[in-house]
Amino acid sequence: MKAASLTPRPCYIRSTVTPAKLQPRTALIVLTVLNLLNYADRNVLFAVQPLVQDEFHLTKTQIGYLTSAFLGFYMVAAPFVGPLADRYSRKLIIVLGAFFWSGLTLLTAFTHNYTELLIRHTLVGIGEATFVTIAPTFVADLFSEEKRGRILGVFYLAIPVGSAAGYLLGGYLAPQHGWRFPFYIAAGPGFLLAIAVMFLKEPERGQFDSLKQTPLQAVARTGSALTYVWKLIVNYVRYLWTHLARNPAFLTSTLGMAAMTFSLGGIQVWMPQFLYSERHYTLEAANLTFGLIIVGDGIVAALAGGWLGDYLLRRMKSSYYLISAASMALGVPVMIVALFVRGRAMIPAIALAAFFLLLNTAPLNAAVINSVDAHIRATALAVNIFIIHILGDVPSPTMMGWVADRRSLQAAFVLPVIGMVVSAAILFYGMKFAPQVRFGDAG
């Protein structure tokens, strides 16, 4: 009988993480961090505004106009960026946009007057529109439809975390090193992440979509060059009209989001002032309290909303609409308690109302993305961005200020409550238009 061989044999552990699964996750991480930096960059200025105001001897109106100009150019640029992303490389546009806005962030440190700062801030709005319009479509094509709620929940974590990072970066560094120094720090990672995006593999458009794709029909090249261009424009406008303006799933999700943005935009602007003037908090305590609520709620709500929407998606195709509508409806009575009940219940009520408002971040964005053909998805998001801002957070702070000047700030908060009711009604109605979803194993 032969002795058993004592020669050691190599032991192999089979990895369950294949390159096919690793690449989408890597892309999600890179784009999420870049999204976080996007929100950090725009919020650094908010943290250093008093120092900027003192140096340039600005009025509060001039300071406020910086944000208005940013938002205006951001909103107008989006519809121009979207069609480009639907026809050309999304990765290339994201890279160029990241380089553009990071460069402008760096140049902020070299501004010497208000006009230069205003020009810089408006151009940053254009640069950031290239990312916010395109990146969600890139992320959506990396994973199958039943995972999009959770994936977008991760991607949109950047909103609360990035916003807080901007405040912390500016608030900590500016008093010690001057208001320009935080912009040096904010600019560097943008260049590095733009380079990282260059090495990502761009996913095939709509590779996991259930919605039937109907590509744009070709236009015969007849007549003069001007006539041909006109035919192309008319053909494209007709295509968009059919797939967006006559698409009830897209319209209800977008209009529901606009009403939600109206409420959230007004609350974000005026809640610290409400705590300060109506509930007699110190200004520092009012900002800190509300800031912590938004960051904490934003992180938990983005993940919870995405997970819950995906969990229910196998049971009902309208789960993204349902979660969004129900969260808005549940927020209404809680918001009323927050506004009209004093004492210990007020802060928990504000926190719970904010949670319900933010719970639809991931599922509602997933509903918008799933409602349109992959070949016009970036354009659809661009139109969505334009509509939700022009109907949402552009008018709401001004309208609330108008009511507050004539009645009271407490009375002005009735407007966000109405917005929440309208949003819930639209999204409940939109449930019947939700498209069917295909389930798969991607990502």
Protein backbone atom coordinates (compact mmCIF):
# COMPACT_ATOMS: atom_id res chain seq x y z
CA MET A 1 0.00 0.00 0.00
CA LYS A 2 1.47 3.32 -1.09
CA ALA A 3 1.90 6.05 1.42
CA ALA A 4 -0.33 9.02 0.86
CA SER A 5 1.44 11.84 -0.94
CA LEU A 6 2.36 14.72 1.32
CA THR A 7 2.95 17.12 -1.57
CA PRO A 8 0.89 20.23 -0.88
CA ARG A 9 -1.72 21.12 -3.46
CA PRO A 10 -2.74 24.68 -4.24
CA CYS A 11 -6.12 25.73 -2.91
CA TYR A 12 -8.22 28.08 -5.00
CA ILE A 13 -11.09 30.15 -3.66
CA ARG A 14 -13.55 30.96 -6.38
CA SER A 15 -14.55 34.62 -6.36
CA THR A 16 -18.22 35.47 -6.76
CA VAL A 17 -17.41 39.00 -7.89
CA THR A 18 -16.82 38.75 -11.63
CA PRO A 19 -15.49 41.59 -13.80
CA ALA A 20 -18.96 41.88 -15.31
CA LYS A 21 -20.38 42.69 -11.86
CA LEU A 22 -17.41 44.72 -10.66
CA GLN A 23 -17.47 47.22 -13.52
CA PRO A 24 -21.01 48.55 -12.89
CA ARG A 25 -20.32 48.86 -9.17
CA THR A 26 -17.05 50.69 -9.82
CA ALA A 27 -18.81 53.06 -12.19
CA LEU A 28 -21.56 53.66 -9.61
CA ILE A 29 -18.99 54.53 -6.93
CA VAL A 30 -17.05 56.90 -9.19
CA LEU A 31 -20.17 58.70 -10.43
CA THR A 32 -21.67 58.90 -6.93
CA VAL A 33 -18.49 60.50 -5.56
CA LEU A 34 -18.47 62.91 -8.50
CA ASN A 35 -22.12 63.73 -7.77
CA LEU A 36 -21.22 64.32 -4.12
CA LEU A 37 -18.48 66.71 -5.21
CA ASN A 38 -20.99 68.46 -7.49
CA TYR A 39 -23.23 69.30 -4.52
CA ALA A 40 -20.28 70.11 -2.25
CA ASP A 41 -18.96 72.56 -4.83
CA ARG A 42 -22.20 74.51 -5.12
CA ASN A 43 -22.65 74.66 -1.33
CA VAL A 44 -19.17 75.94 -0.45
CA LEU A 45 -20.26 79.41 -1.52
CA PHE A 46 -23.25 79.33 0.87
CA ALA A 47 -20.87 78.65 3.77
CA VAL A 48 -18.59 81.61 2.97
CA GLN A 49 -21.25 84.13 1.90
CA PRO A 50 -20.80 86.49 4.92
CA LEU A 51 -17.07 86.76 4.19
CA VAL A 52 -17.70 87.41 0.48
CA GLN A 53 -20.32 90.01 1.36
CA ASP A 54 -17.92 91.84 3.68
CA GLU A 55 -15.01 91.88 1.23
CA PHE A 56 -16.99 93.05 -1.80
CA HIS A 57 -19.44 95.23 0.22
CA LEU A 58 -22.49 93.49 -1.22
CA THR A 59 -26.16 93.68 -0.37
CA LYS A 60 -28.11 90.55 0.54
CA THR A 61 -29.94 90.90 -2.77
CA GLN A 62 -26.65 90.67 -4.67
CA ILE A 63 -25.62 87.62 -2.64
CA GLY A 64 -28.98 85.99 -3.29
CA TYR A 65 -28.72 86.73 -7.00
CA LEU A 66 -25.61 84.52 -7.23
CA THR A 67 -27.76 81.48 -6.47
CA SER A 68 -30.61 82.68 -8.70
CA ALA A 69 -28.20 83.13 -11.61
CA PHE A 70 -26.66 79.71 -11.02
CA LEU A 71 -30.05 78.02 -10.95
CA GLY A 72 -31.30 79.94 -13.98
CA PHE A 73 -28.35 79.00 -16.20
CA TYR A 74 -28.37 75.45 -14.84
CA MET A 75 -32.05 75.10 -15.70
CA VAL A 76 -31.74 76.62 -19.19
CA ALA A 77 -28.58 74.69 -20.09
CA ALA A 78 -30.11 71.29 -19.32
CA PRO A 79 -32.43 71.11 -22.39
CA PHE A 80 -29.43 71.80 -24.65
CA VAL A 81 -27.20 69.23 -22.99
CA GLY A 82 -29.79 66.43 -23.02
CA PRO A 83 -30.07 65.98 -26.82
CA LEU A 84 -26.27 65.96 -27.12
CA ALA A 85 -26.04 63.12 -24.62
CA ASP A 86 -28.69 61.14 -26.50
CA ARG A 87 -26.65 61.34 -29.72
CA TYR A 88 -23.02 61.32 -28.56
CA SER A 89 -20.84 59.74 -25.87
CA ARG A 90 -22.25 60.40 -22.40
CA LYS A 91 -18.90 59.56 -20.84
CA LEU A 92 -17.11 62.20 -22.89
CA ILE A 93 -19.65 64.91 -22.01
CA ILE A 94 -19.44 64.03 -18.29
CA VAL A 95 -15.63 64.24 -18.42
CA LEU A 96 -15.61 67.57 -20.25
CA GLY A 97 -18.25 68.97 -17.89
CA ALA A 98 -16.32 67.85 -14.79
CA PHE A 99 -13.13 69.47 -16.07
CA PHE A 100 -15.10 72.62 -16.92
CA TRP A 101 -16.80 73.10 -13.54
CA SER A 102 -13.70 72.05 -11.57
CA GLY A 103 -11.65 74.61 -13.46
CA LEU A 104 -14.22 77.30 -12.71
CA THR A 105 -14.25 76.28 -9.04
CA LEU A 106 -10.49 76.78 -8.96
CA LEU A 107 -10.84 80.15 -10.69
CA THR A 108 -13.20 81.30 -7.93
CA ALA A 109 -10.15 81.60 -5.73
CA PHE A 110 -8.82 84.24 -8.13
CA THR A 111 -11.93 86.43 -8.37
CA HIS A 112 -11.42 90.07 -7.36
CA ASN A 113 -14.89 91.58 -7.67
CA TYR A 114 -18.58 90.73 -7.67
CA THR A 115 -18.91 90.68 -11.47
CA GLU A 116 -16.18 88.05 -11.83
CA LEU A 117 -17.79 85.95 -9.09
CA LEU A 118 -21.22 86.23 -10.76
CA ILE A 119 -19.86 85.16 -14.16
CA ARG A 120 -18.05 82.24 -12.57
CA HIS A 121 -21.14 81.07 -10.72
CA THR A 122 -23.38 81.21 -13.78
CA LEU A 123 -20.87 79.22 -15.83
CA VAL A 124 -20.65 76.61 -13.09
CA GLY A 125 -24.41 76.16 -13.50
CA ILE A 126 -23.85 75.24 -17.14
CA GLY A 127 -21.01 72.86 -16.25
CA GLU A 128 -22.96 71.07 -13.55
CA ALA A 129 -25.97 70.69 -15.86
CA THR A 130 -23.85 68.40 -18.03
CA PHE A 131 -23.46 65.99 -15.12
CA VAL A 132 -26.86 66.12 -13.44
CA THR A 133 -28.65 65.62 -16.77
CA ILE A 134 -26.52 62.75 -18.02
CA ALA A 135 -25.09 60.76 -15.10
CA PRO A 136 -28.44 59.26 -13.94
CA THR A 137 -28.99 57.79 -17.43
CA PHE A 138 -25.48 56.31 -17.37
CA VAL A 139 -26.12 54.76 -13.95
CA ALA A 140 -29.56 53.48 -15.00
CA ASP A 141 -28.06 51.52 -17.92
CA LEU A 142 -25.58 49.75 -15.64
CA PHE A 143 -28.21 47.78 -13.71
CA SER A 144 -31.47 45.99 -14.40
CA GLU A 145 -34.75 47.81 -13.86
CA GLU A 146 -35.76 46.11 -10.63
CA LYS A 147 -32.59 47.43 -8.95
CA ARG A 148 -32.84 51.03 -10.09
CA GLY A 149 -34.55 52.33 -6.98
CA ARG A 150 -31.73 51.09 -4.72
CA ILE A 151 -29.02 52.14 -7.17
CA LEU A 152 -30.42 55.66 -7.51
CA GLY A 153 -30.80 55.76 -3.73
CA VAL A 154 -27.02 55.31 -3.49
CA PHE A 155 -26.36 57.81 -6.29
CA TYR A 156 -28.56 60.49 -4.71
CA LEU A 157 -26.96 60.09 -1.29
CA ALA A 158 -24.67 62.73 -2.75
CA ILE A 159 -27.33 65.42 -2.24
CA PRO A 160 -27.40 65.50 1.59
CA VAL A 161 -23.82 64.31 2.10
CA GLY A 162 -22.36 66.59 -0.57
CA SER A 163 -24.35 69.59 0.63
CA ALA A 164 -23.16 69.01 4.20
CA ALA A 165 -19.57 68.57 2.98
CA GLY A 166 -19.72 71.94 1.22
CA TYR A 167 -20.94 73.67 4.36
CA LEU A 168 -18.33 71.94 6.53
CA LEU A 169 -15.49 72.60 4.08
CA GLY A 170 -16.30 76.29 3.77
CA GLY A 171 -17.28 76.76 7.39
CA TYR A 172 -14.12 75.16 8.76
CA LEU A 173 -11.45 76.45 6.35
CA ALA A 174 -12.69 79.93 5.47
CA PRO A 175 -12.39 81.55 8.94
CA GLN A 176 -8.79 80.32 9.22
CA HIS A 177 -7.49 80.69 5.66
CA GLY A 178 -9.89 83.10 3.95
CA TRP A 179 -12.99 82.42 1.86
CA ARG A 180 -11.02 81.59 -1.31
CA PHE A 181 -9.06 78.69 0.19
CA PRO A 182 -11.93 76.13 0.32
CA PHE A 183 -12.32 76.45 -3.45
CA TYR A 184 -8.74 75.24 -3.97
CA ILE A 185 -9.59 72.13 -1.96
CA ALA A 186 -12.95 71.57 -3.71
CA ALA A 187 -11.48 71.81 -7.23
CA GLY A 188 -8.74 69.16 -7.04
CA PRO A 189 -10.84 65.99 -6.62
CA GLY A 190 -13.00 67.03 -9.60
CA PHE A 191 -10.05 66.78 -11.99
CA LEU A 192 -9.03 63.39 -10.58
CA LEU A 193 -12.55 61.97 -10.81
CA ALA A 194 -12.95 63.27 -14.37
CA ILE A 195 -9.84 61.29 -15.30
CA ALA A 196 -11.28 58.21 -13.54
CA VAL A 197 -14.51 58.50 -15.58
CA MET A 198 -12.43 58.30 -18.77
CA PHE A 199 -11.55 54.70 -17.89
CA LEU A 200 -15.15 53.60 -17.33
CA LYS A 201 -16.86 51.48 -19.94
CA GLU A 202 -19.95 53.20 -21.29
CA PRO A 203 -22.99 50.89 -21.04
CA GLU A 204 -25.26 50.15 -23.96
CA ARG A 205 -28.30 52.43 -23.92
CA GLY A 206 -31.42 50.68 -22.67
CA GLN A 207 -29.77 47.25 -22.47
CA PHE A 208 -32.01 46.20 -19.55
CA ASP A 209 -35.14 48.19 -20.45
CA SER A 210 -38.61 46.73 -20.81
CA LEU A 211 -39.98 49.75 -22.63
CA LYS A 212 -40.07 49.23 -26.39
CA GLN A 213 -37.57 51.46 -28.13
CA THR A 214 -38.67 53.53 -31.11
CA PRO A 215 -35.61 55.22 -32.62
CA LEU A 216 -35.90 58.56 -34.38
CA GLN A 217 -36.84 58.13 -38.04
CA ALA A 218 -34.31 59.21 -40.65
CA VAL A 219 -35.00 62.34 -42.70
CA ALA A 220 -34.46 62.24 -46.45
CA ARG A 221 -31.66 64.59 -47.52
CA THR A 222 -33.51 66.61 -50.15
CA GLY A 223 -33.60 70.29 -51.00
CA SER A 224 -31.19 72.92 -49.70
CA ALA A 225 -29.06 72.57 -46.56
CA LEU A 226 -31.35 75.01 -44.73
CA THR A 227 -34.43 72.99 -45.69
CA TYR A 228 -32.77 69.78 -44.52
CA VAL A 229 -31.85 71.30 -41.15
CA TRP A 230 -35.41 72.56 -40.73
CA LYS A 231 -36.77 69.07 -41.47
CA LEU A 232 -34.41 67.59 -38.88
CA ILE A 233 -35.62 70.07 -36.24
CA VAL A 234 -39.30 69.47 -37.02
CA ASN A 235 -38.80 65.71 -37.00
CA TYR A 236 -37.04 65.83 -33.62
CA VAL A 237 -39.64 68.13 -32.05
CA ARG A 238 -42.42 65.83 -33.28
CA TYR A 239 -40.57 62.84 -31.82
CA LEU A 240 -40.21 64.55 -28.44
CA TRP A 241 -43.87 65.60 -28.48
CA THR A 242 -44.94 62.01 -29.01
CA HIS A 243 -42.62 60.50 -26.41
CA LEU A 244 -42.70 63.18 -23.72
CA ALA A 245 -45.65 65.57 -24.02
CA ARG A 246 -48.02 62.69 -24.84
CA ASN A 247 -46.43 60.28 -22.37
CA PRO A 248 -48.65 60.21 -19.22
CA ALA A 249 -46.10 58.20 -17.20
CA PHE A 250 -43.46 60.88 -17.81
CA LEU A 251 -45.85 63.80 -17.32
CA THR A 252 -47.30 62.60 -14.02
CA SER A 253 -43.92 61.71 -12.53
CA THR A 254 -42.44 65.05 -13.65
CA LEU A 255 -45.36 67.19 -12.49
CA GLY A 256 -45.53 65.28 -9.20
CA MET A 257 -41.81 65.94 -8.74
CA ALA A 258 -42.32 69.63 -9.58
CA ALA A 259 -44.94 69.98 -6.82
CA MET A 260 -42.60 68.17 -4.42
CA THR A 261 -39.73 70.50 -5.42
CA PHE A 262 -42.01 73.49 -4.84
CA SER A 263 -42.59 72.30 -1.26
CA LEU A 264 -39.03 71.25 -0.51
CA GLY A 265 -37.48 74.37 -2.06
CA GLY A 266 -39.63 76.69 0.03
CA ILE A 267 -39.07 74.71 3.22
CA GLN A 268 -35.29 74.64 2.77
CA VAL A 269 -35.13 78.41 2.28
CA TRP A 270 -37.52 79.48 5.04
CA MET A 271 -37.43 76.83 7.79
CA PRO A 272 -34.30 78.20 9.55
CA GLN A 273 -35.87 81.67 9.45
CA PHE A 274 -39.13 80.19 10.84
CA LEU A 275 -37.28 78.62 13.77
CA TYR A 276 -35.41 81.89 14.36
CA SER A 277 -38.22 84.44 14.11
CA GLU A 278 -41.33 82.44 14.97
CA ARG A 279 -39.96 79.94 17.51
CA HIS A 280 -37.16 82.17 18.88
CA TYR A 281 -34.18 79.89 18.28
CA THR A 282 -30.79 81.53 17.90
CA LEU A 283 -29.75 81.76 14.25
CA GLU A 284 -26.88 79.33 14.83
CA ALA A 285 -29.17 76.82 16.57
CA ALA A 286 -31.83 77.15 13.86
CA ASN A 287 -29.35 76.43 11.04
CA LEU A 288 -27.64 73.61 12.92
CA THR A 289 -30.92 71.92 13.88
CA PHE A 290 -32.41 72.04 10.42
CA GLY A 291 -29.09 71.14 8.77
CA LEU A 292 -28.74 68.00 10.87
CA ILE A 293 -32.34 67.03 10.09
CA ILE A 294 -31.80 67.35 6.33
CA VAL A 295 -28.51 65.41 6.34
CA GLY A 296 -29.80 62.61 8.57
CA ASP A 297 -33.16 62.32 6.84
CA GLY A 298 -31.58 62.62 3.41
CA ILE A 299 -29.26 59.65 3.91
CA VAL A 300 -31.84 57.34 5.50
CA ALA A 301 -34.72 58.37 3.21
CA ALA A 302 -32.74 57.99 -0.03
CA LEU A 303 -31.72 54.42 0.83
CA ALA A 304 -35.07 53.44 2.37
CA GLY A 305 -37.14 54.84 -0.49
CA GLY A 306 -35.04 53.10 -3.13
CA TRP A 307 -35.11 49.77 -1.31
CA LEU A 308 -38.84 49.92 -0.62
CA GLY A 309 -39.65 50.85 -4.21
CA ASP A 310 -37.62 47.91 -5.55
CA TYR A 311 -39.07 45.51 -2.97
CA LEU A 312 -42.63 46.29 -4.02
CA LEU A 313 -41.82 46.40 -7.74
CA ARG A 314 -42.20 42.63 -8.12
CA ARG A 315 -45.71 42.94 -6.66
CA MET A 316 -46.86 46.04 -8.54
CA LYS A 317 -45.39 47.87 -11.52
CA SER A 318 -46.47 51.22 -10.01
CA SER A 319 -44.47 50.85 -6.79
CA TYR A 320 -42.23 53.87 -7.49
CA TYR A 321 -45.30 56.07 -7.93
CA LEU A 322 -47.02 54.57 -4.89
CA ILE A 323 -44.07 55.11 -2.52
CA SER A 324 -43.67 58.69 -3.74
CA ALA A 325 -47.37 59.52 -3.52
CA ALA A 326 -47.86 57.87 -0.12
CA SER A 327 -44.82 59.62 1.36
CA MET A 328 -46.12 63.02 0.24
CA ALA A 329 -49.58 62.28 1.63
CA LEU A 330 -48.21 61.05 4.96
CA GLY A 331 -46.08 64.17 5.25
CA VAL A 332 -49.06 66.55 5.15
CA PRO A 333 -50.50 66.00 8.67
CA VAL A 334 -47.00 65.79 10.15
CA MET A 335 -46.06 69.12 8.55
CA ILE A 336 -49.21 70.72 9.95
CA VAL A 337 -48.18 69.54 13.44
CA ALA A 338 -44.66 70.92 12.88
CA LEU A 339 -46.02 74.35 11.95
CA PHE A 340 -48.84 74.86 14.41
CA VAL A 341 -47.90 72.84 17.51
CA ARG A 342 -45.29 74.32 19.83
CA GLY A 343 -43.23 72.44 22.38
CA ARG A 344 -41.40 69.14 22.28
CA ALA A 345 -43.40 67.73 19.37
CA MET A 346 -42.24 70.42 16.92
CA ILE A 347 -38.69 69.27 16.08
CA PRO A 348 -39.60 65.54 15.77
CA ALA A 349 -42.52 66.60 13.54
CA ILE A 350 -40.21 68.68 11.32
CA ALA A 351 -37.79 65.74 11.11
CA LEU A 352 -40.55 63.27 10.21
CA ALA A 353 -42.09 65.63 7.63
CA ALA A 354 -38.67 66.12 6.02
CA PHE A 355 -38.17 62.34 5.97
CA PHE A 356 -41.44 61.83 4.08
CA LEU A 357 -40.54 64.61 1.64
CA LEU A 358 -37.14 63.07 0.92
CA LEU A 359 -38.32 59.43 0.86
CA ASN A 360 -39.33 59.77 -2.80
CA THR A 361 -35.89 60.93 -4.00
CA ALA A 362 -34.85 57.55 -5.41
CA PRO A 363 -38.21 56.02 -6.44
CA LEU A 364 -39.49 59.16 -8.15
CA ASN A 365 -36.28 59.57 -10.16
CA ALA A 366 -36.50 55.89 -11.07
CA ALA A 367 -40.10 56.43 -12.24
CA VAL A 368 -38.99 59.28 -14.52
CA ILE A 369 -36.11 57.22 -15.97
CA ASN A 370 -38.26 54.14 -16.57
CA SER A 371 -41.01 56.17 -18.24
CA VAL A 372 -39.04 57.00 -21.39
CA ASP A 373 -37.13 55.33 -24.19
CA ALA A 374 -33.38 55.02 -23.53
CA HIS A 375 -32.61 56.89 -26.77
CA ILE A 376 -34.17 60.12 -25.44
CA ARG A 377 -33.60 59.58 -21.72
CA ALA A 378 -31.04 62.36 -21.27
CA THR A 379 -33.33 64.77 -23.14
CA ALA A 380 -36.24 63.65 -20.95
CA LEU A 381 -34.21 64.33 -17.79
CA ALA A 382 -33.25 67.73 -19.19
CA VAL A 383 -36.92 68.59 -19.75
CA ASN A 384 -37.68 67.20 -16.29
CA ILE A 385 -35.03 69.44 -14.70
CA PHE A 386 -36.39 72.50 -16.49
CA ILE A 387 -39.99 71.81 -15.46
CA ILE A 388 -39.37 70.93 -11.81
CA HIS A 389 -37.33 74.09 -11.27
CA ILE A 390 -39.49 76.54 -13.23
CA LEU A 391 -42.61 75.26 -11.43
CA GLY A 392 -40.88 74.30 -8.18
CA ASP A 393 -38.04 75.89 -6.25
CA VAL A 394 -37.72 78.98 -8.47
CA PRO A 395 -41.13 80.48 -7.55
CA SER A 396 -41.80 78.93 -4.13
CA PRO A 397 -39.36 80.93 -1.94
CA THR A 398 -40.55 84.20 -3.49
CA MET A 399 -44.22 83.28 -3.12
CA MET A 400 -43.67 82.33 0.51
CA GLY A 401 -41.83 85.59 1.13
CA TRP A 402 -44.74 87.52 -0.42
CA VAL A 403 -47.25 85.80 1.90
CA ALA A 404 -44.94 86.27 4.91
CA ASP A 405 -44.69 90.02 4.26
CA ARG A 406 -48.49 90.35 4.21
CA ARG A 407 -49.51 87.77 6.82
CA SER A 408 -46.87 85.77 8.69
CA LEU A 409 -44.14 83.24 7.96
CA GLN A 410 -46.27 80.57 9.62
CA ALA A 411 -49.09 81.37 7.20
CA ALA A 412 -46.63 81.19 4.28
CA PHE A 413 -45.88 77.54 5.10
CA VAL A 414 -49.40 76.67 3.99
CA LEU A 415 -48.03 76.86 0.41
CA PRO A 416 -45.61 73.91 0.82
CA VAL A 417 -48.41 71.91 2.44
CA ILE A 418 -50.61 72.58 -0.59
CA GLY A 419 -47.71 71.54 -2.83
CA MET A 420 -47.44 68.23 -0.98
CA VAL A 421 -51.16 67.56 -1.45
CA VAL A 422 -50.94 68.36 -5.18
CA SER A 423 -47.87 66.14 -5.58
CA ALA A 424 -49.56 63.20 -3.85
CA ALA A 425 -52.70 63.57 -5.99
CA ILE A 426 -50.73 63.66 -9.27
CA LEU A 427 -48.59 60.67 -8.34
CA PHE A 428 -51.53 58.56 -7.15
CA TYR A 429 -53.18 59.31 -10.51
CA GLY A 430 -49.93 58.45 -12.33
CA MET A 431 -49.84 54.93 -10.89
CA LYS A 432 -52.04 53.60 -13.66
CA PHE A 433 -49.57 54.76 -16.33
CA ALA A 434 -46.47 53.08 -14.86
CA PRO A 435 -44.72 50.93 -17.52
CA GLN A 436 -44.15 47.22 -17.08
CA VAL A 437 -40.69 46.26 -15.79
CA ARG A 438 -38.50 43.39 -16.92
CA PHE A 439 -36.62 41.50 -14.20
CA GLY A 440 -33.07 40.29 -14.71
CA ASP A 441 -29.75 39.59 -13.00
CA ALA A 442 -27.61 42.47 -14.20
CA GLY A 443 -25.34 44.23 -11.74
